[in-house]
PDB file of N, CA and C in Angstrom:
ATOM      1  N   MET A   1     111.436 113.247 111.743  1.00  0.00           N
ATOM      2  CA  MET A   1     111.327 111.823 112.809  1.00  0.00           C
ATOM      3  C   MET A   1     111.081 110.750 112.127  1.00  0.00           C
ATOM      4  N   SER A   2     110.249 110.977 110.737  1.00  0.00           N
ATOM      5  CA  SER A   2     110.202 109.575 110.083  1.00  0.00           C
ATOM      6  C   SER A   2     111.290 108.822 109.603  1.00  0.00           C
ATOM      7  N   ILE A   3     112.132 109.606 109.151  1.00  0.00           N
ATOM      8  CA  ILE A   3     113.320 109.055 108.582  1.00  0.00           C
ATOM      9  C   ILE A   3     114.208 108.307 109.546  1.00  0.00           C
ATOM     10  N   ILE A   4     114.199 109.113 110.670  1.00  0.00           N
ATOM     11  CA  ILE A   4     114.997 108.521 111.973  1.00  0.00           C
ATOM     12  C   ILE A   4     114.519 107.026 112.143  1.00  0.00           C
ATOM     13  N   THR A   5     112.983 107.142 112.444  1.00  0.00           N
ATOM     14  CA  THR A   5     112.428 105.765 112.688  1.00  0.00           C
ATOM     15  C   THR A   5     112.704 104.869 111.605  1.00  0.00           C
ATOM     16  N   MET A   6     112.525 105.192 110.434  1.00  0.00           N
ATOM     17  CA  MET A   6     112.730 103.997 109.436  1.00  0.00           C
ATOM     18  C   MET A   6     114.240 103.501 109.584  1.00  0.00           C
ATOM     19  N   ILE A   7     115.248 104.373 109.679  1.00  0.00           N
ATOM     20  CA  ILE A   7     116.504 103.893 109.924  1.00  0.00           C
ATOM     21  C   ILE A   7     116.680 102.882 111.097  1.00  0.00           C
ATOM     22  N   ILE A   8     116.122 103.114 112.110  1.00  0.00           N
ATOM     23  CA  ILE A   8     116.248 102.267 113.215  1.00  0.00           C
ATOM     24  C   ILE A   8     115.424 100.892 112.963  1.00  0.00           C
ATOM     25  N   VAL A   9     114.265 101.291 112.586  1.00  0.00           N
ATOM     26  CA  VAL A   9     113.295  99.816 112.271  1.00  0.00           C
ATOM     27  C   VAL A   9     114.290  98.981 111.149  1.00  0.00           C
ATOM     28  N   GLY A  10     114.613  99.800 109.997  1.00  0.00           N
ATOM     29  CA  GLY A  10     115.459  99.080 109.230  1.00  0.00           C
ATOM     30  C   GLY A  10     116.509  98.263 109.769  1.00  0.00           C
ATOM     31  N   PHE A  11     117.449  98.813 110.739  1.00  0.00           N
ATOM     32  CA  PHE A  11     118.544  98.293 111.402  1.00  0.00           C
ATOM     33  C   PHE A  11     118.101  97.112 112.301  1.00  0.00           C
ATOM     34  N   ILE A  12     117.013  97.197 112.873  1.00  0.00           N
ATOM     35  CA  ILE A  12     116.478  96.141 113.728  1.00  0.00           C
ATOM     36  C   ILE A  12     116.007  95.141 112.820  1.00  0.00           C
ATOM     37  N   VAL A  13     115.057  95.398 111.828  1.00  0.00           N
ATOM     38  CA  VAL A  13     114.882  94.385 110.628  1.00  0.00           C
ATOM     39  C   VAL A  13     115.941  93.558 110.070  1.00  0.00           C
ATOM     40  N   GLY A  14     117.011  94.222 109.936  1.00  0.00           N
ATOM     41  CA  GLY A  14     118.175  93.714 109.340  1.00  0.00           C
ATOM     42  C   GLY A  14     118.968  92.912 110.135  1.00  0.00           C
ATOM     43  N   LEU A  15     119.047  93.241 111.393  1.00  0.00           N
ATOM     44  CA  LEU A  15     119.639  92.377 112.248  1.00  0.00           C
ATOM     45  C   LEU A  15     118.894  91.218 112.614  1.00  0.00           C
ATOM     46  N   LEU A  16     117.772  91.156 112.791  1.00  0.00           N
ATOM     47  CA  LEU A  16     116.876  89.757 113.088  1.00  0.00           C
ATOM     48  C   LEU A  16     116.977  89.056 111.809  1.00  0.00           C
ATOM     49  N   ALA A  17     116.898  89.621 110.547  1.00  0.00           N
ATOM     50  CA  ALA A  17     117.271  88.888 109.385  1.00  0.00           C
ATOM     51  C   ALA A  17     118.255  88.099 109.169  1.00  0.00           C
ATOM     52  N   ARG A  18     119.325  88.826 109.270  1.00  0.00           N
ATOM     53  CA  ARG A  18     120.627  88.268 109.499  1.00  0.00           C
ATOM     54  C   ARG A  18     120.801  87.058 110.463  1.00  0.00           C
ATOM     55  N   ALA A  19     120.345  87.273 111.574  1.00  0.00           N
ATOM     56  CA  ALA A  19     120.415  86.460 112.574  1.00  0.00           C
ATOM     57  C   ALA A  19     119.620  85.190 112.400  1.00  0.00           C
ATOM     58  N   LEU A  20     118.256  85.322 111.718  1.00  0.00           N
ATOM     59  CA  LEU A  20     117.608  84.152 111.296  1.00  0.00           C
ATOM     60  C   LEU A  20     117.964  83.310 110.003  1.00  0.00           C
ATOM     61  N   LYS A  21     118.749  83.987 109.295  1.00  0.00           N
ATOM     62  CA  LYS A  21     119.036  83.534 108.021  1.00  0.00           C
ATOM     63  C   LYS A  21     120.406  82.561 108.212  1.00  0.00           C
ATOM     64  N   PRO A  22     120.476  81.284 108.094  1.00  0.00           N
ATOM     65  CA  PRO A  22     121.855  80.657 108.097  1.00  0.00           C
ATOM     66  C   PRO A  22     122.965  81.116 107.103  1.00  0.00           C
ATOM     67  N   GLY A  23     124.055  80.984 107.595  1.00  0.00           N
ATOM     68  CA  GLY A  23     125.272  81.439 106.887  1.00  0.00           C
ATOM     69  C   GLY A  23     125.901  82.757 107.481  1.00  0.00           C
ATOM     70  N   ASN A  24     127.055  83.102 107.054  1.00  0.00           N
ATOM     71  CA  ASN A  24     127.727  84.011 107.323  1.00  0.00           C
ATOM     72  C   ASN A  24     127.546  85.156 106.590  1.00  0.00           C
ATOM     73  N   ASP A  25     126.778  86.312 106.810  1.00  0.00           N
ATOM     74  CA  ASP A  25     126.754  87.295 105.865  1.00  0.00           C
ATOM     75  C   ASP A  25     127.643  88.366 106.374  1.00  0.00           C
ATOM     76  N   ARG A  26     128.914  88.837 105.607  1.00  0.00           N
ATOM     77  CA  ARG A  26     129.617  89.550 105.893  1.00  0.00           C
ATOM     78  C   ARG A  26     129.329  90.905 105.440  1.00  0.00           C
ATOM     79  N   MET A  27     128.907  91.930 106.379  1.00  0.00           N
ATOM     80  CA  MET A  27     128.266  93.102 106.013  1.00  0.00           C
ATOM     81  C   MET A  27     128.386  94.030 107.181  1.00  0.00           C
ATOM     82  N   GLY A  28     128.262  95.315 107.178  1.00  0.00           N
ATOM     83  CA  GLY A  28     128.255  96.246 108.186  1.00  0.00           C
ATOM     84  C   GLY A  28     127.134  96.790 108.779  1.00  0.00           C
ATOM     85  N   ILE A  29     127.196  97.438 109.896  1.00  0.00           N
ATOM     86  CA  ILE A  29     125.987  98.399 110.094  1.00  0.00           C
ATOM     87  C   ILE A  29     125.411  99.003 109.089  1.00  0.00           C
ATOM     88  N   ILE A  30     125.905  99.726 108.215  1.00  0.00           N
ATOM     89  CA  ILE A  30     125.181 100.551 107.155  1.00  0.00           C
ATOM     90  C   ILE A  30     124.528  99.543 106.124  1.00  0.00           C
ATOM     91  N   MET A  31     125.196  98.206 105.694  1.00  0.00           N
ATOM     92  CA  MET A  31     124.541  97.428 104.774  1.00  0.00           C
ATOM     93  C   MET A  31     123.558  96.711 105.481  1.00  0.00           C
ATOM     94  N   THR A  32     123.681  96.480 106.966  1.00  0.00           N
ATOM     95  CA  THR A  32     122.448  95.623 107.591  1.00  0.00           C
ATOM     96  C   THR A  32     121.250  96.727 107.598  1.00  0.00           C
ATOM     97  N   THR A  33     121.394  97.924 107.743  1.00  0.00           N
ATOM     98  CA  THR A  33     120.455  98.753 107.698  1.00  0.00           C
ATOM     99  C   THR A  33     119.654  98.998 106.588  1.00  0.00           C
ATOM    100  N   ILE A  34     120.525  98.869 105.415  1.00  0.00           N
ATOM    101  CA  ILE A  34     119.908  98.988 104.087  1.00  0.00           C
ATOM    102  C   ILE A  34     119.145  98.057 103.751  1.00  0.00           C
ATOM    103  N   VAL A  35     119.474  96.513 103.956  1.00  0.00           N
ATOM    104  CA  VAL A  35     119.121  95.537 103.700  1.00  0.00           C
ATOM    105  C   VAL A  35     117.747  95.283 104.632  1.00  0.00           C
ATOM    106  N   GLY A  36     117.423  95.857 105.781  1.00  0.00           N
ATOM    107  CA  GLY A  36     116.201  95.960 106.444  1.00  0.00           C
ATOM    108  C   GLY A  36     115.289  96.882 105.670  1.00  0.00           C
ATOM    109  N   ILE A  37     115.768  98.158 105.390  1.00  0.00           N
ATOM    110  CA  ILE A  37     114.875  99.021 104.848  1.00  0.00           C
ATOM    111  C   ILE A  37     114.387  98.736 103.578  1.00  0.00           C
ATOM    112  N   VAL A  38     115.325  98.106 102.488  1.00  0.00           N
ATOM    113  CA  VAL A  38     114.571  97.596 101.536  1.00  0.00           C
ATOM    114  C   VAL A  38     113.937  96.287 101.766  1.00  0.00           C
ATOM    115  N   GLY A  39     114.380  95.356 102.584  1.00  0.00           N
ATOM    116  CA  GLY A  39     113.326  94.325 102.565  1.00  0.00           C
ATOM    117  C   GLY A  39     111.927  94.827 103.037  1.00  0.00           C
ATOM    118  N   SER A  40     111.785  95.874 103.904  1.00  0.00           N
ATOM    119  CA  SER A  40     110.411  96.202 104.315  1.00  0.00           C
ATOM    120  C   SER A  40     109.538  96.633 103.207  1.00  0.00           C
ATOM    121  N   LEU A  41     110.554  97.541 102.163  1.00  0.00           N
ATOM    122  CA  LEU A  41     110.010  98.104 101.258  1.00  0.00           C
ATOM    123  C   LEU A  41     109.347  96.966 100.217  1.00  0.00           C
ATOM    124  N   LEU A  42     110.413  95.905 100.128  1.00  0.00           N
ATOM    125  CA  LEU A  42     110.091  94.923  99.573  1.00  0.00           C
ATOM    126  C   LEU A  42     108.660  94.110  99.745  1.00  0.00           C
ATOM    127  N   ALA A  43     108.831  93.955 100.874  1.00  0.00           N
ATOM    128  CA  ALA A  43     107.413  93.175 101.719  1.00  0.00           C
ATOM    129  C   ALA A  43     106.259  94.045 101.495  1.00  0.00           C
ATOM    130  N   GLY A  44     106.252  95.436 101.605  1.00  0.00           N
ATOM    131  CA  GLY A  44     104.984  96.017 101.535  1.00  0.00           C
ATOM    132  C   GLY A  44     104.757  96.045  99.943  1.00  0.00           C
ATOM    133  N   TRP A  45     105.393  96.027  99.029  1.00  0.00           N
ATOM    134  CA  TRP A  45     105.074  96.318  97.686  1.00  0.00           C
ATOM    135  C   TRP A  45     104.508  94.737  97.360  1.00  0.00           C
ATOM    136  N   VAL A  46     105.341  93.756  97.631  1.00  0.00           N
ATOM    137  CA  VAL A  46     104.497  92.521  97.416  1.00  0.00           C
ATOM    138  C   VAL A  46     103.167  92.409  98.109  1.00  0.00           C
ATOM    139  N   GLY A  47     103.127  92.885  99.673  1.00  0.00           N
ATOM    140  CA  GLY A  47     101.869  92.492 100.180  1.00  0.00           C
ATOM    141  C   GLY A  47     100.817  93.473  99.523  1.00  0.00           C
ATOM    142  N   GLN A  48     101.145  94.537  98.936  1.00  0.00           N
ATOM    143  CA  GLN A  48     100.228  95.577  98.169  1.00  0.00           C
ATOM    144  C   GLN A  48      99.675  94.649  96.919  1.00  0.00           C
ATOM    145  N   ALA A  49     100.527  94.304  96.280  1.00  0.00           N
ATOM    146  CA  ALA A  49     100.264  93.691  95.134  1.00  0.00           C
ATOM    147  C   ALA A  49      99.317  92.361  95.208  1.00  0.00           C
ATOM    148  N   MET A  50      99.535  91.729  96.192  1.00  0.00           N
ATOM    149  CA  MET A  50      98.929  90.439  96.672  1.00  0.00           C
ATOM    150  C   MET A  50      97.368  90.711  97.063  1.00  0.00           C
ATOM    151  N   GLY A  51      97.544  91.836  97.703  1.00  0.00           N
ATOM    152  CA  GLY A  51      96.156  92.577  98.349  1.00  0.00           C
ATOM    153  C   GLY A  51      96.123  92.438  99.987  1.00  0.00           C
ATOM    154  N   TRP A  52      97.238  92.061 100.480  1.00  0.00           N
ATOM    155  CA  TRP A  52      97.458  92.155 101.935  1.00  0.00           C
ATOM    156  C   TRP A  52      97.399  93.359 102.762  1.00  0.00           C
ATOM    157  N   TYR A  53      97.932  94.401 101.811  1.00  0.00           N
ATOM    158  CA  TYR A  53      98.117  95.606 102.268  1.00  0.00           C
ATOM    159  C   TYR A  53      97.388  96.677 101.580  1.00  0.00           C
ATOM    160  N   ARG A  54      96.885  97.556 102.239  1.00  0.00           N
ATOM    161  CA  ARG A  54      96.309  98.818 101.264  1.00  0.00           C
ATOM    162  C   ARG A  54      97.374  99.675 100.735  1.00  0.00           C
ATOM    163  N   PRO A  55      97.243 100.473  99.926  1.00  0.00           N
ATOM    164  CA  PRO A  55      98.186 101.458  99.440  1.00  0.00           C
ATOM    165  C   PRO A  55      98.529 102.471 100.485  1.00  0.00           C
ATOM    166  N   GLY A  56      99.845 102.631 100.855  1.00  0.00           N
ATOM    167  CA  GLY A  56     100.188 103.401 101.693  1.00  0.00           C
ATOM    168  C   GLY A  56     100.572 102.676 103.139  1.00  0.00           C
ATOM    169  N   GLN A  57      99.956 101.425 103.567  1.00  0.00           N
ATOM    170  CA  GLN A  57     100.103 100.723 104.660  1.00  0.00           C
ATOM    171  C   GLN A  57     101.351 100.084 104.861  1.00  0.00           C
ATOM    172  N   PRO A  58     101.947 100.347 105.898  1.00  0.00           N
ATOM    173  CA  PRO A  58     103.229  99.806 105.776  1.00  0.00           C
ATOM    174  C   PRO A  58     103.361  98.253 106.145  1.00  0.00           C
ATOM    175  N   ALA A  59     104.306  97.595 105.797  1.00  0.00           N
ATOM    176  CA  ALA A  59     104.545  96.073 106.084  1.00  0.00           C
ATOM    177  C   ALA A  59     104.481  95.830 107.657  1.00  0.00           C
ATOM    178  N   GLY A  60     104.103  94.651 108.017  1.00  0.00           N
ATOM    179  CA  GLY A  60     104.286  94.275 109.668  1.00  0.00           C
ATOM    180  C   GLY A  60     105.867  93.832 109.612  1.00  0.00           C
ATOM    181  N   TRP A  61     106.028  93.521 110.930  1.00  0.00           N
ATOM    182  CA  TRP A  61     107.386  93.165 111.321  1.00  0.00           C
ATOM    183  C   TRP A  61     107.684  91.776 110.797  1.00  0.00           C
ATOM    184  N   ILE A  62     106.912  90.892 110.826  1.00  0.00           N
ATOM    185  CA  ILE A  62     107.127  89.453 110.263  1.00  0.00           C
ATOM    186  C   ILE A  62     107.418  89.759 108.649  1.00  0.00           C
ATOM    187  N   ALA A  63     106.566  90.235 108.007  1.00  0.00           N
ATOM    188  CA  ALA A  63     106.729  90.473 106.718  1.00  0.00           C
ATOM    189  C   ALA A  63     107.726  91.167 106.285  1.00  0.00           C
ATOM    190  N   SER A  64     108.332  92.178 107.080  1.00  0.00           N
ATOM    191  CA  SER A  64     109.521  93.003 106.626  1.00  0.00           C
ATOM    192  C   SER A  64     110.426  92.091 107.174  1.00  0.00           C
ATOM    193  N   ILE A  65     110.698  91.186 108.044  1.00  0.00           N
ATOM    194  CA  ILE A  65     112.029  90.433 108.248  1.00  0.00           C
ATOM    195  C   ILE A  65     112.032  89.322 107.435  1.00  0.00           C
ATOM    196  N   LEU A  66     111.054  88.750 106.703  1.00  0.00           N
ATOM    197  CA  LEU A  66     110.999  87.791 105.555  1.00  0.00           C
ATOM    198  C   LEU A  66     111.283  88.509 104.322  1.00  0.00           C
ATOM    199  N   GLY A  67     111.002  89.859 104.225  1.00  0.00           N
ATOM    200  CA  GLY A  67     111.332  90.374 102.903  1.00  0.00           C
ATOM    201  C   GLY A  67     112.890  90.703 102.936  1.00  0.00           C
ATOM    202  N   ALA A  68     113.509  90.948 104.265  1.00  0.00           N
ATOM    203  CA  ALA A  68     114.925  91.437 104.286  1.00  0.00           C
ATOM    204  C   ALA A  68     115.757  89.821 104.239  1.00  0.00           C
ATOM    205  N   ILE A  69     115.240  88.748 104.574  1.00  0.00           N
ATOM    206  CA  ILE A  69     115.564  87.400 104.438  1.00  0.00           C
ATOM    207  C   ILE A  69     115.744  87.006 102.838  1.00  0.00           C
ATOM    208  N   VAL A  70     114.487  87.209 102.429  1.00  0.00           N
ATOM    209  CA  VAL A  70     114.699  87.154 100.820  1.00  0.00           C
ATOM    210  C   VAL A  70     115.818  87.974 100.088  1.00  0.00           C
ATOM    211  N   LEU A  71     116.001  89.167 100.438  1.00  0.00           N
ATOM    212  CA  LEU A  71     116.951  89.821 100.007  1.00  0.00           C
ATOM    213  C   LEU A  71     118.167  89.553 100.283  1.00  0.00           C
ATOM    214  N   LEU A  72     118.454  89.003 101.320  1.00  0.00           N
ATOM    215  CA  LEU A  72     119.814  88.509 101.726  1.00  0.00           C
ATOM    216  C   LEU A  72     120.207  87.119 101.000  1.00  0.00           C
ATOM    217  N   VAL A  73     118.958  86.467 100.538  1.00  0.00           N
ATOM    218  CA  VAL A  73     119.513  85.334  99.700  1.00  0.00           C
ATOM    219  C   VAL A  73     119.607  85.703  98.478  1.00  0.00           C
ATOM    220  N   ILE A  74     118.971  86.608  98.114  1.00  0.00           N
ATOM    221  CA  ILE A  74     119.653  87.181  96.642  1.00  0.00           C
ATOM    222  C   ILE A  74     120.727  87.539  96.402  1.00  0.00           C
ATOM    223  N   VAL A  75     121.161  88.451  97.511  1.00  0.00           N
ATOM    224  CA  VAL A  75     122.582  89.092  97.555  1.00  0.00           C
ATOM    225  C   VAL A  75     123.788  88.107  97.744  1.00  0.00           C
ATOM    226  N   ALA A  76     123.162  86.993  98.786  1.00  0.00           N
ATOM    227  CA  ALA A  76     124.306  85.940  98.500  1.00  0.00           C
ATOM    228  C   ALA A  76     124.456  85.199  96.956  1.00  0.00           C
ATOM    229  N   MET A  77     123.328  85.012  96.513  1.00  0.00           N
ATOM    230  CA  MET A  77     123.581  84.308  95.105  1.00  0.00           C
ATOM    231  C   MET A  77     124.197  85.199  94.317  1.00  0.00           C
ATOM    232  N   VAL A  78     123.929  86.335  94.228  1.00  0.00           N
ATOM    233  CA  VAL A  78     124.446  87.407  93.280  1.00  0.00           C
ATOM    234  C   VAL A  78     126.236  87.627  93.649  1.00  0.00           C
ATOM    235  N   ARG A  79     126.311  87.664  94.911  1.00  0.00           N
ATOM    236  CA  ARG A  79     127.670  88.024  95.382  1.00  0.00           C
ATOM    237  C   ARG A  79     128.688  86.731  95.053  1.00  0.00           C
ATOM    238  N   ARG A  80     129.912  87.196  94.329  1.00  0.00           N
ATOM    239  CA  ARG A  80     130.902  86.239  94.100  1.00  0.00           C
ATOM    240  C   ARG A  80     131.369  85.893  95.293  1.00  0.00           C
ATOM    241  N   PRO A  81     131.965  84.569  95.329  1.00  0.00           N
ATOM    242  CA  PRO A  81     132.585  84.118  96.624  1.00  0.00           C
ATOM    243  C   PRO A  81     134.076  84.787  96.404  1.00  0.00           C
ATOM    244  N   ARG A  82     134.466  85.194  97.637  1.00  0.00           N
ATOM    245  CA  ARG A  82     135.750  85.951  97.572  1.00  0.00           C
ATOM    246  C   ARG A  82     136.684  85.048  98.264  1.00  0.00           C
ATOM    247  N   TYR A  83     137.725  85.060  97.878  1.00  0.00           N
ATOM    248  CA  TYR A  83     139.130  84.266  98.118  1.00  0.00           C
ATOM    249  C   TYR A  83     140.023  84.951  98.632  1.00  0.00           C
ATOM    250  N   TYR A  84     140.580  84.462  99.907  1.00  0.00           N
ATOM    251  CA  TYR A  84     141.346  85.162 100.867  1.00  0.00           C
ATOM    252  C   TYR A  84     142.641  84.372 100.598  1.00  0.00           C
ATOM    253  N   ARG A  85     143.865  85.353 100.795  1.00  0.00           N
ATOM    254  CA  ARG A  85     145.062  84.426 100.822  1.00  0.00           C
ATOM    255  C   ARG A  85     145.642  84.693 102.241  1.00  0.00           C
TER     256      ARG A  85
END
């Protein structure tokens, strides 16, 4: 049940991050979920490194969304512009 909860929360976090970040992020449901999950993990790791969270404590919703937005910005910078004919 924990994995299903992580996927659902990751999807919601990914959707909120994509809605709050300006610009067009062309990605599907799976990539949105992956961005949300990795953003949550990133926020938890940074929070533990800065002493905001104890080891094993998950990041909060706001920190997860901010982590996903940071990840979306990094993905947009790394991704090459695509030219369509």
